[in-house]
Amino acid sequence: MELKLKKPIIFFDLETTGINIAKDRIVEISILKVFPNGNKESKTWLVNPEMEIPKEASDIHGITNEKVVTEPTFNELASEISKMIE
């Protein structure tokens, strides 16, 4: 498939602590940026959700409390993520 892009297009994938948007938090963010010339840039960040990850969520995505305890929070990553999606 050939995309005729004039600007980069961004694809996101999020893993979270659950599906309740009012209380659950992001534990992983993956971004794929496709440029008009076909080049691609991707980055994945583990995110400390500052809450316990329920076992049910870990069973789905494989991300545990131990994996994220030393990772940055979303607020700490926000500017880096913002720069990538500009």
PDB file of N, CA and C in Angstrom:
ATOM      1  N   MET A   1       0.847  -1.172   0.000  1.00  0.00           N
ATOM      2  CA  MET A   1       0.000   0.000   0.000  1.00  0.00           C
ATOM      3  C   MET A   1       0.894   1.237   0.000  1.00  0.00           C
ATOM      4  N   GLU A   2       0.558   2.182  -0.841  1.00  0.00           N
ATOM      5  CA  GLU A   2       1.318   3.426  -0.917  1.00  0.00           C
ATOM      6  C   GLU A   2       0.458   4.561  -0.381  1.00  0.00           C
ATOM      7  N   LEU A   3       0.983   5.243   0.635  1.00  0.00           N
ATOM      8  CA  LEU A   3       0.288   6.400   1.184  1.00  0.00           C
ATOM      9  C   LEU A   3       0.863   7.656   0.541  1.00  0.00           C
ATOM     10  N   LYS A   4       0.010   8.529   0.101  1.00  0.00           N
ATOM     11  CA  LYS A   4       0.470   9.790  -0.481  1.00  0.00           C
ATOM     12  C   LYS A   4       0.298  10.869   0.587  1.00  0.00           C
ATOM     13  N   LEU A   5       1.282  10.935   1.471  1.00  0.00           N
ATOM     14  CA  LEU A   5       1.212  11.850   2.605  1.00  0.00           C
ATOM     15  C   LEU A   5       1.823  13.200   2.265  1.00  0.00           C
ATOM     16  N   LYS A   6       1.228  14.238   2.824  1.00  0.00           N
ATOM     17  CA  LYS A   6       1.816  15.576   2.746  1.00  0.00           C
ATOM     18  C   LYS A   6       2.473  15.930   4.072  1.00  0.00           C
ATOM     19  N   LYS A   7       2.000  15.287   5.125  1.00  0.00           N
ATOM     20  CA  LYS A   7       2.542  15.479   6.470  1.00  0.00           C
ATOM     21  C   LYS A   7       2.745  14.098   7.081  1.00  0.00           C
ATOM     22  N   PRO A   8       3.583  13.997   8.105  1.00  0.00           N
ATOM     23  CA  PRO A   8       3.731  12.701   8.780  1.00  0.00           C
ATOM     24  C   PRO A   8       2.404  12.250   9.393  1.00  0.00           C
ATOM     25  N   ILE A   9       2.233  10.947   9.492  1.00  0.00           N
ATOM     26  CA  ILE A   9       1.072  10.367  10.162  1.00  0.00           C
ATOM     27  C   ILE A   9       1.591   9.585  11.373  1.00  0.00           C
ATOM     28  N   ILE A  10       0.854   9.664  12.475  1.00  0.00           N
ATOM     29  CA  ILE A  10       1.267   9.060  13.742  1.00  0.00           C
ATOM     30  C   ILE A  10       0.275   7.964  14.134  1.00  0.00           C
ATOM     31  N   PHE A  11       0.814   6.821  14.554  1.00  0.00           N
ATOM     32  CA  PHE A  11       0.005   5.732  15.093  1.00  0.00           C
ATOM     33  C   PHE A  11       0.405   5.529  16.549  1.00  0.00           C
ATOM     34  N   PHE A  12      -0.580   5.377  17.430  1.00  0.00           N
ATOM     35  CA  PHE A  12      -0.349   5.170  18.855  1.00  0.00           C
ATOM     36  C   PHE A  12      -0.828   3.791  19.271  1.00  0.00           C
ATOM     37  N   ASP A  13      -0.156   3.215  20.253  1.00  0.00           N
ATOM     38  CA  ASP A  13      -0.649   2.017  20.931  1.00  0.00           C
ATOM     39  C   ASP A  13      -0.421   2.241  22.416  1.00  0.00           C
ATOM     40  N   LEU A  14      -1.452   2.049  23.207  1.00  0.00           N
ATOM     41  CA  LEU A  14      -1.360   2.237  24.655  1.00  0.00           C
ATOM     42  C   LEU A  14      -1.681   0.946  25.376  1.00  0.00           C
ATOM     43  N   GLU A  15      -0.949   0.691  26.449  1.00  0.00           N
ATOM     44  CA  GLU A  15      -1.302  -0.353  27.405  1.00  0.00           C
ATOM     45  C   GLU A  15      -1.598   0.378  28.708  1.00  0.00           C
ATOM     46  N   THR A  16      -2.608  -0.095  29.432  1.00  0.00           N
ATOM     47  CA  THR A  16      -3.064   0.624  30.620  1.00  0.00           C
ATOM     48  C   THR A  16      -3.302  -0.315  31.794  1.00  0.00           C
ATOM     49  N   THR A  17      -3.626   0.302  32.928  1.00  0.00           N
ATOM     50  CA  THR A  17      -3.938  -0.480  34.124  1.00  0.00           C
ATOM     51  C   THR A  17      -5.365  -1.019  34.091  1.00  0.00           C
ATOM     52  N   GLY A  18      -6.164  -0.582  33.136  1.00  0.00           N
ATOM     53  CA  GLY A  18      -7.550  -1.024  33.023  1.00  0.00           C
ATOM     54  C   GLY A  18      -8.277  -0.208  31.970  1.00  0.00           C
ATOM     55  N   ILE A  19      -9.614  -0.284  31.975  1.00  0.00           N
ATOM     56  CA  ILE A  19     -10.399   0.390  30.941  1.00  0.00           C
ATOM     57  C   ILE A  19     -11.228   1.560  31.464  1.00  0.00           C
ATOM     58  N   ASN A  20     -11.099   1.887  32.729  1.00  0.00           N
ATOM     59  CA  ASN A  20     -11.838   3.003  33.311  1.00  0.00           C
ATOM     60  C   ASN A  20     -11.041   4.289  33.068  1.00  0.00           C
ATOM     61  N   ILE A  21     -11.516   5.145  32.160  1.00  0.00           N
ATOM     62  CA  ILE A  21     -10.741   6.336  31.794  1.00  0.00           C
ATOM     63  C   ILE A  21     -10.625   7.342  32.934  1.00  0.00           C
ATOM     64  N   ALA A  22     -11.486   7.254  33.928  1.00  0.00           N
ATOM     65  CA  ALA A  22     -11.423   8.181  35.059  1.00  0.00           C
ATOM     66  C   ALA A  22     -10.365   7.787  36.081  1.00  0.00           C
ATOM     67  N   LYS A  23     -10.051   6.478  36.188  1.00  0.00           N
ATOM     68  CA  LYS A  23      -9.124   6.077  37.249  1.00  0.00           C
ATOM     69  C   LYS A  23      -7.887   5.321  36.768  1.00  0.00           C
ATOM     70  N   ASP A  24      -7.948   4.702  35.608  1.00  0.00           N
ATOM     71  CA  ASP A  24      -6.819   3.890  35.154  1.00  0.00           C
ATOM     72  C   ASP A  24      -5.764   4.738  34.465  1.00  0.00           C
ATOM     73  N   ARG A  25      -4.549   4.195  34.400  1.00  0.00           N
ATOM     74  CA  ARG A  25      -3.394   4.953  33.923  1.00  0.00           C
ATOM     75  C   ARG A  25      -2.648   4.185  32.836  1.00  0.00           C
ATOM     76  N   ILE A  26      -1.851   4.912  32.079  1.00  0.00           N
ATOM     77  CA  ILE A  26      -1.023   4.343  31.014  1.00  0.00           C
ATOM     78  C   ILE A  26       0.208   3.679  31.620  1.00  0.00           C
ATOM     79  N   VAL A  27       0.564   2.475  31.125  1.00  0.00           N
ATOM     80  CA  VAL A  27       1.792   1.793  31.549  1.00  0.00           C
ATOM     81  C   VAL A  27       2.784   1.618  30.394  1.00  0.00           C
ATOM     82  N   GLU A  28       2.320   1.789  29.163  1.00  0.00           N
ATOM     83  CA  GLU A  28       3.214   1.719  28.010  1.00  0.00           C
ATOM     84  C   GLU A  28       2.624   2.533  26.872  1.00  0.00           C
ATOM     85  N   ILE A  29       3.503   3.281  26.190  1.00  0.00           N
ATOM     86  CA  ILE A  29       3.112   4.057  25.015  1.00  0.00           C
ATOM     87  C   ILE A  29       4.053   3.666  23.882  1.00  0.00           C
ATOM     88  N   SER A  30       3.481   3.316  22.745  1.00  0.00           N
ATOM     89  CA  SER A  30       4.274   3.068  21.537  1.00  0.00           C
ATOM     90  C   SER A  30       3.775   4.007  20.452  1.00  0.00           C
ATOM     91  N   ILE A  31       4.722   4.615  19.748  1.00  0.00           N
ATOM     92  CA  ILE A  31       4.379   5.538  18.669  1.00  0.00           C
ATOM     93  C   ILE A  31       5.151   5.137  17.418  1.00  0.00           C
ATOM     94  N   LEU A  32       4.445   5.120  16.305  1.00  0.00           N
ATOM     95  CA  LEU A  32       5.056   4.933  14.991  1.00  0.00           C
ATOM     96  C   LEU A  32       4.730   6.176  14.175  1.00  0.00           C
ATOM     97  N   LYS A  33       5.776   6.844  13.690  1.00  0.00           N
ATOM     98  CA  LYS A  33       5.609   8.040  12.865  1.00  0.00           C
ATOM     99  C   LYS A  33       6.086   7.697  11.458  1.00  0.00           C
ATOM    100  N   VAL A  34       5.192   7.858  10.474  1.00  0.00           N
ATOM    101  CA  VAL A  34       5.513   7.581   9.076  1.00  0.00           C
ATOM    102  C   VAL A  34       5.582   8.921   8.343  1.00  0.00           C
ATOM    103  N   PHE A  35       6.719   9.164   7.707  1.00  0.00           N
ATOM    104  CA  PHE A  35       6.957  10.421   7.003  1.00  0.00           C
ATOM    105  C   PHE A  35       6.535  10.310   5.542  1.00  0.00           C
ATOM    106  N   PRO A  36       6.253  11.449   4.893  1.00  0.00           N
ATOM    107  CA  PRO A  36       5.835  11.415   3.484  1.00  0.00           C
ATOM    108  C   PRO A  36       6.809  10.688   2.553  1.00  0.00           C
ATOM    109  N   ASN A  37       8.108  10.696   2.881  1.00  0.00           N
ATOM    110  CA  ASN A  37       9.086  10.010   2.024  1.00  0.00           C
ATOM    111  C   ASN A  37       9.173   8.505   2.304  1.00  0.00           C
ATOM    112  N   GLY A  38       8.348   8.014   3.233  1.00  0.00           N
ATOM    113  CA  GLY A  38       8.332   6.587   3.551  1.00  0.00           C
ATOM    114  C   GLY A  38       9.185   6.195   4.739  1.00  0.00           C
ATOM    115  N   ASN A  39      10.043   7.096   5.205  1.00  0.00           N
ATOM    116  CA  ASN A  39      10.836   6.801   6.406  1.00  0.00           C
ATOM    117  C   ASN A  39       9.919   6.645   7.605  1.00  0.00           C
ATOM    118  N   LYS A  40      10.381   5.865   8.566  1.00  0.00           N
ATOM    119  CA  LYS A  40       9.597   5.605   9.776  1.00  0.00           C
ATOM    120  C   LYS A  40      10.455   5.842  11.001  1.00  0.00           C
ATOM    121  N   GLU A  41       9.806   6.296  12.055  1.00  0.00           N
ATOM    122  CA  GLU A  41      10.449   6.473  13.356  1.00  0.00           C
ATOM    123  C   GLU A  41       9.513   5.857  14.391  1.00  0.00           C
ATOM    124  N   SER A  42      10.058   5.063  15.296  1.00  0.00           N
ATOM    125  CA  SER A  42       9.207   4.466  16.325  1.00  0.00           C
ATOM    126  C   SER A  42       9.897   4.549  17.674  1.00  0.00           C
ATOM    127  N   LYS A  43       9.077   4.560  18.702  1.00  0.00           N
ATOM    128  CA  LYS A  43       9.593   4.632  20.069  1.00  0.00           C
ATOM    129  C   LYS A  43       8.550   4.019  20.988  1.00  0.00           C
ATOM    130  N   THR A  44       9.037   3.284  21.992  1.00  0.00           N
ATOM    131  CA  THR A  44       8.170   2.710  23.018  1.00  0.00           C
ATOM    132  C   THR A  44       8.706   3.109  24.377  1.00  0.00           C
ATOM    133  N   TRP A  45       7.815   3.561  25.226  1.00  0.00           N
ATOM    134  CA  TRP A  45       8.170   3.938  26.588  1.00  0.00           C
ATOM    135  C   TRP A  45       7.359   3.112  27.576  1.00  0.00           C
ATOM    136  N   LEU A  46       8.012   2.571  28.589  1.00  0.00           N
ATOM    137  CA  LEU A  46       7.297   2.059  29.748  1.00  0.00           C
ATOM    138  C   LEU A  46       7.029   3.258  30.641  1.00  0.00           C
ATOM    139  N   VAL A  47       5.874   3.272  31.299  1.00  0.00           N
ATOM    140  CA  VAL A  47       5.449   4.416  32.096  1.00  0.00           C
ATOM    141  C   VAL A  47       5.076   3.950  33.498  1.00  0.00           C
ATOM    142  N   ASN A  48       5.600   4.637  34.498  1.00  0.00           N
ATOM    143  CA  ASN A  48       5.212   4.363  35.880  1.00  0.00           C
ATOM    144  C   ASN A  48       3.831   4.985  36.092  1.00  0.00           C
ATOM    145  N   PRO A  49       2.797   4.163  36.323  1.00  0.00           N
ATOM    146  CA  PRO A  49       1.447   4.704  36.449  1.00  0.00           C
ATOM    147  C   PRO A  49       1.159   5.311  37.821  1.00  0.00           C
ATOM    148  N   GLU A  50       2.101   5.201  38.738  1.00  0.00           N
ATOM    149  CA  GLU A  50       1.936   5.703  40.108  1.00  0.00           C
ATOM    150  C   GLU A  50       0.729   5.073  40.803  1.00  0.00           C
ATOM    151  N   MET A  51       0.432   3.847  40.416  1.00  0.00           N
ATOM    152  CA  MET A  51      -0.597   3.039  41.071  1.00  0.00           C
ATOM    153  C   MET A  51      -0.261   1.578  40.788  1.00  0.00           C
ATOM    154  N   GLU A  52      -0.849   0.689  41.529  1.00  0.00           N
ATOM    155  CA  GLU A  52      -0.634  -0.739  41.304  1.00  0.00           C
ATOM    156  C   GLU A  52      -1.300  -1.169  39.997  1.00  0.00           C
ATOM    157  N   ILE A  53      -0.616  -2.019  39.266  1.00  0.00           N
ATOM    158  CA  ILE A  53      -1.200  -2.599  38.057  1.00  0.00           C
ATOM    159  C   ILE A  53      -1.949  -3.858  38.478  1.00  0.00           C
ATOM    160  N   PRO A  54      -3.263  -3.910  38.245  1.00  0.00           N
ATOM    161  CA  PRO A  54      -4.011  -5.110  38.617  1.00  0.00           C
ATOM    162  C   PRO A  54      -3.485  -6.348  37.883  1.00  0.00           C
ATOM    163  N   LYS A  55      -3.535  -7.485  38.553  1.00  0.00           N
ATOM    164  CA  LYS A  55      -3.073  -8.744  37.964  1.00  0.00           C
ATOM    165  C   LYS A  55      -3.789  -9.022  36.645  1.00  0.00           C
ATOM    166  N   GLU A  56      -5.079  -8.707  36.589  1.00  0.00           N
ATOM    167  CA  GLU A  56      -5.853  -8.954  35.371  1.00  0.00           C
ATOM    168  C   GLU A  56      -5.278  -8.177  34.177  1.00  0.00           C
ATOM    169  N   ALA A  57      -4.828  -6.952  34.416  1.00  0.00           N
ATOM    170  CA  ALA A  57      -4.229  -6.152  33.343  1.00  0.00           C
ATOM    171  C   ALA A  57      -2.861  -6.718  32.963  1.00  0.00           C
ATOM    172  N   SER A  58      -2.050  -7.054  33.972  1.00  0.00           N
ATOM    173  CA  SER A  58      -0.725  -7.635  33.702  1.00  0.00           C
ATOM    174  C   SER A  58      -0.841  -8.937  32.922  1.00  0.00           C
ATOM    175  N   ASP A  59      -1.878  -9.727  33.221  1.00  0.00           N
ATOM    176  CA  ASP A  59      -2.088 -10.987  32.501  1.00  0.00           C
ATOM    177  C   ASP A  59      -2.332 -10.746  31.009  1.00  0.00           C
ATOM    178  N   ILE A  60      -2.906  -9.601  30.672  1.00  0.00           N
ATOM    179  CA  ILE A  60      -3.201  -9.287  29.273  1.00  0.00           C
ATOM    180  C   ILE A  60      -1.968  -8.759  28.545  1.00  0.00           C
ATOM    181  N   HIS A  61      -1.287  -7.755  29.132  1.00  0.00           N
ATOM    182  CA  HIS A  61      -0.178  -7.112  28.410  1.00  0.00           C
ATOM    183  C   HIS A  61       1.211  -7.502  28.890  1.00  0.00           C
ATOM    184  N   GLY A  62       1.306  -8.212  30.000  1.00  0.00           N
ATOM    185  CA  GLY A  62       2.604  -8.692  30.475  1.00  0.00           C
ATOM    186  C   GLY A  62       3.449  -7.658  31.194  1.00  0.00           C
ATOM    187  N   ILE A  63       2.909  -6.474  31.422  1.00  0.00           N
ATOM    188  CA  ILE A  63       3.653  -5.419  32.118  1.00  0.00           C
ATOM    189  C   ILE A  63       3.294  -5.482  33.598  1.00  0.00           C
ATOM    190  N   THR A  64       4.316  -5.633  34.428  1.00  0.00           N
ATOM    191  CA  THR A  64       4.103  -5.794  35.868  1.00  0.00           C
ATOM    192  C   THR A  64       4.568  -4.560  36.627  1.00  0.00           C
ATOM    193  N   ASN A  65       4.170  -4.500  37.894  1.00  0.00           N
ATOM    194  CA  ASN A  65       4.611  -3.410  38.769  1.00  0.00           C
ATOM    195  C   ASN A  65       6.131  -3.344  38.821  1.00  0.00           C
ATOM    196  N   GLU A  66       6.780  -4.493  38.854  1.00  0.00           N
ATOM    197  CA  GLU A  66       8.244  -4.545  38.936  1.00  0.00           C
ATOM    198  C   GLU A  66       8.900  -3.928  37.697  1.00  0.00           C
ATOM    199  N   LYS A  67       8.266  -4.069  36.546  1.00  0.00           N
ATOM    200  CA  LYS A  67       8.833  -3.531  35.304  1.00  0.00           C
ATOM    201  C   LYS A  67       8.750  -2.010  35.222  1.00  0.00           C
ATOM    202  N   VAL A  68       7.774  -1.414  35.899  1.00  0.00           N
ATOM    203  CA  VAL A  68       7.563   0.030  35.747  1.00  0.00           C
ATOM    204  C   VAL A  68       7.957   0.862  36.963  1.00  0.00           C
ATOM    205  N   VAL A  69       8.312   0.223  38.059  1.00  0.00           N
ATOM    206  CA  VAL A  69       8.559   0.970  39.301  1.00  0.00           C
ATOM    207  C   VAL A  69       9.661   2.016  39.152  1.00  0.00           C
ATOM    208  N   THR A  70      10.667   1.768  38.325  1.00  0.00           N
ATOM    209  CA  THR A  70      11.762   2.727  38.153  1.00  0.00           C
ATOM    210  C   THR A  70      11.633   3.551  36.867  1.00  0.00           C
ATOM    211  N   GLU A  71      10.529   3.391  36.161  1.00  0.00           N
ATOM    212  CA  GLU A  71      10.320   4.125  34.908  1.00  0.00           C
ATOM    213  C   GLU A  71       9.760   5.520  35.196  1.00  0.00           C
ATOM    214  N   PRO A  72       9.911   6.447  34.246  1.00  0.00           N
ATOM    215  CA  PRO A  72       9.368   7.790  34.444  1.00  0.00           C
ATOM    216  C   PRO A  72       7.841   7.787  34.402  1.00  0.00           C
ATOM    217  N   THR A  73       7.249   8.794  35.018  1.00  0.00           N
ATOM    218  CA  THR A  73       5.797   8.972  34.968  1.00  0.00           C
ATOM    219  C   THR A  73       5.416   9.604  33.629  1.00  0.00           C
ATOM    220  N   PHE A  74       4.125   9.620  33.338  1.00  0.00           N
ATOM    221  CA  PHE A  74       3.672  10.253  32.100  1.00  0.00           C
ATOM    222  C   PHE A  74       4.068  11.726  32.073  1.00  0.00           C
ATOM    223  N   ASN A  75       3.900  12.417  33.203  1.00  0.00           N
ATOM    224  CA  ASN A  75       4.275  13.836  33.253  1.00  0.00           C
ATOM    225  C   ASN A  75       5.744  14.038  32.925  1.00  0.00           C
ATOM    226  N   GLU A  76       6.590  13.122  33.346  1.00  0.00           N
ATOM    227  CA  GLU A  76       8.020  13.222  33.062  1.00  0.00           C
ATOM    228  C   GLU A  76       8.336  12.944  31.587  1.00  0.00           C
ATOM    229  N   LEU A  77       7.494  12.184  30.925  1.00  0.00           N
ATOM    230  CA  LEU A  77       7.698  11.835  29.511  1.00  0.00           C
ATOM    231  C   LEU A  77       6.967  12.759  28.540  1.00  0.00           C
ATOM    232  N   ALA A  78       6.028  13.534  29.035  1.00  0.00           N
ATOM    233  CA  ALA A  78       5.117  14.291  28.168  1.00  0.00           C
ATOM    234  C   ALA A  78       5.825  15.159  27.137  1.00  0.00           C
ATOM    235  N   SER A  79       6.872  15.872  27.527  1.00  0.00           N
ATOM    236  CA  SER A  79       7.534  16.760  26.560  1.00  0.00           C
ATOM    237  C   SER A  79       8.243  15.963  25.464  1.00  0.00           C
ATOM    238  N   GLU A  80       8.849  14.828  25.813  1.00  0.00           N
ATOM    239  CA  GLU A  80       9.510  13.981  24.809  1.00  0.00           C
ATOM    240  C   GLU A  80       8.488  13.410  23.827  1.00  0.00           C
ATOM    241  N   ILE A  81       7.354  12.982  24.356  1.00  0.00           N
ATOM    242  CA  ILE A  81       6.285  12.444  23.506  1.00  0.00           C
ATOM    243  C   ILE A  81       5.739  13.544  22.598  1.00  0.00           C
ATOM    244  N   SER A  82       5.529  14.720  23.164  1.00  0.00           N
ATOM    245  CA  SER A  82       5.014  15.852  22.396  1.00  0.00           C
ATOM    246  C   SER A  82       5.936  16.204  21.232  1.00  0.00           C
ATOM    247  N   LYS A  83       7.240  16.200  21.473  1.00  0.00           N
ATOM    248  CA  LYS A  83       8.202  16.510  20.407  1.00  0.00           C
ATOM    249  C   LYS A  83       8.126  15.489  19.276  1.00  0.00           C
ATOM    250  N   MET A  84       7.899  14.231  19.638  1.00  0.00           N
ATOM    251  CA  MET A  84       7.850  13.191  18.609  1.00  0.00           C
ATOM    252  C   MET A  84       6.612  13.328  17.723  1.00  0.00           C
ATOM    253  N   ILE A  85       5.514  13.806  18.288  1.00  0.00           N
ATOM    254  CA  ILE A  85       4.275  13.878  17.500  1.00  0.00           C
ATOM    255  C   ILE A  85       4.073  15.228  16.811  1.00  0.00           C
ATOM    256  N   GLU A  86       4.996  16.141  16.984  1.00  0.00           N
ATOM    257  CA  GLU A  86       4.879  17.443  16.298  1.00  0.00           C
ATOM    258  C   GLU A  86       5.083  17.292  14.811  1.00  0.00           C
TER     259      GLU A  86
END
